[in-house]
Structures are given as C-alpha cells and as structure tokens.
Amino acid sequence: MASCGGTDNPHGATEAHPPAPKLAEEIGRLETLLHDSTGSRRIASELMRRYQDFYNFYPNDQRAAGYLFKAADLARGLKKPKVCIDLLTTLHDAFPDDPKADQVAFLVAFEYEQGLRDTTMARNYYRKVIELHPASMWAREAEKNLKLLEMTEDEMIEFLQSQNSPS
C-alpha cells in the first residue's frame, strides 16, 4: 500500500486529505452552521460526510470515534437508517473498548427495529447486545425490547392496557 503523504507532512494528508486540524476546523464551522440554521438538510448531509471523512482519514485520532457517533446521529435524523446502521457498526467494530460500545450496539438493534422495521435483524442485534455487553444497562434495555418484539398481538394489547391502567 502506498502512503498518503510525504515526509514533509506530519499528518499524512494530501490535497484529497486535508490535515486533521483543518478538517476538525471545517467540522466545527459546519456544526455552528447547522445549529444556526435550525436543521438544514444540506448542511447536515455535508457535516455527516465530513465526520466520515475525518474517521476515514484519521481513524487513530482521539476524535474519530466521537465523530462517527455524531455522523450516525445525523444519519438517523436525516432518515437514513442504513447509513446510520453502517456507521454504528463501524464504530462498534473499530472501537470495541469505547465506553459507549454497549450503547452503540443497542442503537444498531434499535435502528433495525425503528428505522428499517426489520424485526428479525432487530432481534438478532438485541441478542448480540446481551451477549457482548451482559452487565450493561443497554443489555437490560435490549432484553426489554426483545420481550416486546416477541409478544403476540394479544399479549402486546394486554401489556399496553396494563401499563395504562391506574394503579
């Protein structure tokens, strides 16, 4: 494999790969624009792409995991569940020791359930959360969601009625 940068570039960046500080500065500018524009889809899409660029160009940078998480959040907000799932899966696999790894695993399952309405995949991923992160609060949440997904229609109606009845 060829190197991205020469010896005079400590960040390994080329014209196609801006230096990490410059890319982080651009991300900050876009974050401000997005906040000030009350949710422009164009800005959100561009910011999501820049977050992904940062991870792709600088996967070992301390900001990479956080930027991937933010990219997934934007994808969810932009109603792009497949992109969101891909980003969360990459995040979980690339940073298995990250303090948010259990939450990220849960969000993959949740996005399958809510974003794609794919209950089969949601069940599989909720089970994976329980398997990989058994002691976490997200494993307990996964157990709850798994139980709800496995209920019959009648069981769901009974459950909902019991939740709404006065104590």
Foldseek 3Di string as FASTA:
>chain_A
DDFQADPVDPQSHDPVQDRLVVLVVVLVVLVVVCVVVVHDLVSLVVSLVSLVSNCVSPVPDPCNLVSLQSSLVSCVVVLNLVSNLVSLVCSCVSCVPDPCNLVSLLVNLVSVCPSVVNNVVSLVSLVVSCVSPVPDPSNVVSVVVNVCSPDDPVRNVVVVVVVPDDD
